[in-house]
Every structure is written in C-alpha cells, then in structure tokens.
Amino acid sequence: MKPKRTCEEELALAKKLSSPEGFLEEYQSRLYDYTRNIDAYYSVEDDFMRIFGRTRYSCYQSFHTIMRRIIKSRTK
C-alpha cells in the first residue's frame, strides 16, 4: 500500500503533473521503482486520474510520442 501524502505533497504533485515536462520528470523518477516502463507510466497516470479526474494521455504510446518530442527538444 502506498504511503499517504500530505496536502502539501499532493499540491506539489498536482502542479508537477499539470505540465507535460513535469509528467515526464515524475515518470522518470518512478522508473527505478518498477520493472517495466509501462508500469511506471500507469502509476503516474493513476495519480493524475485521482487528482484531475481524467487521464493526461490516451495510452502509453501517446505518452511515448510526447516524451520523445520533449527529450529531442532538450538536446537541441
């Protein structure tokens, strides 16, 4: 079971997940906790759903496309 977050932690997470870059950063930080990339993605997407009441991306492939664009733009 996940440890409960404080209100301050929930607000910080909501602020972070509200941008594509923040979503990607949270995903990357959770990669160490999961054996599969898709499981890390769904853990972040579950938090997004709980906070905002909807999913950020329609599927993992959609997220992966955006992730590649963000990473590519950082390397320019």
C-alpha atoms as a PDB file:
ATOM      1  CA  MET A   1       0.000   0.000   0.000  1.00  0.00           C
ATOM      2  CA  LYS A   2       1.237   3.473  -0.897  1.00  0.00           C
ATOM      3  CA  PRO A   3       2.061   5.834   1.964  1.00  0.00           C
ATOM      4  CA  LYS A   4      -0.383   8.712   2.371  1.00  0.00           C
ATOM      5  CA  ARG A   5       0.749  12.075   1.048  1.00  0.00           C
ATOM      6  CA  THR A   6       0.222  15.322   2.902  1.00  0.00           C
ATOM      7  CA  CYS A   7      -1.853  18.109   1.349  1.00  0.00           C
ATOM      8  CA  GLU A   8       1.341  19.979   0.530  1.00  0.00           C
ATOM      9  CA  GLU A   9       2.775  16.941  -1.235  1.00  0.00           C
ATOM     10  CA  GLU A  10      -0.472  16.449  -3.182  1.00  0.00           C
ATOM     11  CA  LEU A  11      -0.444  20.097  -4.302  1.00  0.00           C
ATOM     12  CA  ALA A  12       3.195  19.852  -5.360  1.00  0.00           C
ATOM     13  CA  LEU A  13       2.439  16.668  -7.309  1.00  0.00           C
ATOM     14  CA  ALA A  14      -0.604  18.273  -8.961  1.00  0.00           C
ATOM     15  CA  LYS A  15       1.485  21.251 -10.027  1.00  0.00           C
ATOM     16  CA  LYS A  16       4.200  18.963 -11.370  1.00  0.00           C
ATOM     17  CA  LEU A  17       1.820  16.690 -13.291  1.00  0.00           C
ATOM     18  CA  SER A  18      -0.032  19.616 -14.867  1.00  0.00           C
ATOM     19  CA  SER A  19       2.710  20.091 -17.475  1.00  0.00           C
ATOM     20  CA  PRO A  20       3.991  17.517 -19.965  1.00  0.00           C
ATOM     21  CA  GLU A  21       7.554  18.148 -18.751  1.00  0.00           C
ATOM     22  CA  GLY A  22       6.563  17.591 -15.120  1.00  0.00           C
ATOM     23  CA  PHE A  23       4.669  14.411 -16.016  1.00  0.00           C
ATOM     24  CA  LEU A  24       7.778  13.132 -17.807  1.00  0.00           C
ATOM     25  CA  GLU A  25      10.001  14.058 -14.849  1.00  0.00           C
ATOM     26  CA  GLU A  26       7.728  12.169 -12.432  1.00  0.00           C
ATOM     27  CA  TYR A  27       7.654   9.174 -14.793  1.00  0.00           C
ATOM     28  CA  GLN A  28      11.448   9.128 -14.965  1.00  0.00           C
ATOM     29  CA  SER A  29      11.752   9.276 -11.180  1.00  0.00           C
ATOM     30  CA  ARG A  30       9.426   6.267 -10.838  1.00  0.00           C
ATOM     31  CA  LEU A  31      11.279   4.104 -13.359  1.00  0.00           C
ATOM     32  CA  TYR A  32      13.551   2.843 -10.563  1.00  0.00           C
ATOM     33  CA  ASP A  33      10.555   1.505  -8.617  1.00  0.00           C
ATOM     34  CA  TYR A  34       9.124  -0.602 -11.460  1.00  0.00           C
ATOM     35  CA  THR A  35      10.499  -3.397 -13.605  1.00  0.00           C
ATOM     36  CA  ARG A  36       8.586  -2.287 -16.716  1.00  0.00           C
ATOM     37  CA  ASN A  37       8.386   1.235 -18.154  1.00  0.00           C
ATOM     38  CA  ILE A  38       4.671   0.891 -18.799  1.00  0.00           C
ATOM     39  CA  ASP A  39       4.045   0.167 -15.098  1.00  0.00           C
ATOM     40  CA  ALA A  40       5.858   3.377 -14.123  1.00  0.00           C
ATOM     41  CA  TYR A  41       3.728   5.256 -16.674  1.00  0.00           C
ATOM     42  CA  TYR A  42       0.487   3.844 -15.289  1.00  0.00           C
ATOM     43  CA  SER A  43       1.476   4.710 -11.722  1.00  0.00           C
ATOM     44  CA  VAL A  44       1.867   8.357 -12.740  1.00  0.00           C
ATOM     45  CA  GLU A  45      -1.301   8.240 -14.851  1.00  0.00           C
ATOM     46  CA  ASP A  46      -3.228   6.788 -11.870  1.00  0.00           C
ATOM     47  CA  ASP A  47      -2.124   9.715  -9.703  1.00  0.00           C
ATOM     48  CA  PHE A  48      -3.106  12.144 -12.468  1.00  0.00           C
ATOM     49  CA  MET A  49      -6.538  10.497 -12.712  1.00  0.00           C
ATOM     50  CA  ARG A  50      -7.037  10.657  -8.952  1.00  0.00           C
ATOM     51  CA  ILE A  51      -6.085  14.348  -8.795  1.00  0.00           C
ATOM     52  CA  PHE A  52      -7.657  15.704 -12.007  1.00  0.00           C
ATOM     53  CA  GLY A  53     -10.433  13.174 -12.705  1.00  0.00           C
ATOM     54  CA  ARG A  54      -9.185  12.294 -16.193  1.00  0.00           C
ATOM     55  CA  THR A  55      -6.149  10.792 -17.876  1.00  0.00           C
ATOM     56  CA  ARG A  56      -3.432  13.006 -19.307  1.00  0.00           C
ATOM     57  CA  TYR A  57      -2.662  10.719 -22.264  1.00  0.00           C
ATOM     58  CA  SER A  58      -4.947   8.316 -24.078  1.00  0.00           C
ATOM     59  CA  CYS A  59      -2.399   5.481 -23.947  1.00  0.00           C
ATOM     60  CA  TYR A  60       1.248   4.688 -23.297  1.00  0.00           C
ATOM     61  CA  GLN A  61       2.086   5.087 -26.995  1.00  0.00           C
ATOM     62  CA  SER A  62       0.701   8.632 -26.993  1.00  0.00           C
ATOM     63  CA  PHE A  63       2.789   9.460 -23.920  1.00  0.00           C
ATOM     64  CA  HIS A  64       5.859   7.882 -25.532  1.00  0.00           C
ATOM     65  CA  THR A  65       5.467  10.110 -28.613  1.00  0.00           C
ATOM     66  CA  ILE A  66       5.296  13.252 -26.453  1.00  0.00           C
ATOM     67  CA  MET A  67       8.213  12.023 -24.342  1.00  0.00           C
ATOM     68  CA  ARG A  68      10.389  11.645 -27.443  1.00  0.00           C
ATOM     69  CA  ARG A  69       9.480  15.188 -28.573  1.00  0.00           C
ATOM     70  CA  ILE A  70      10.351  16.663 -25.179  1.00  0.00           C
ATOM     71  CA  ILE A  71      13.656  14.824 -24.981  1.00  0.00           C
ATOM     72  CA  LYS A  72      14.509  15.787 -28.579  1.00  0.00           C
ATOM     73  CA  SER A  73      13.784  19.471 -27.861  1.00  0.00           C
ATOM     74  CA  ARG A  74      16.089  19.355 -24.798  1.00  0.00           C
ATOM     75  CA  THR A  75      19.005  18.121 -26.899  1.00  0.00           C
ATOM     76  CA  LYS A  76      18.877  20.998 -29.395  1.00  0.00           C
END
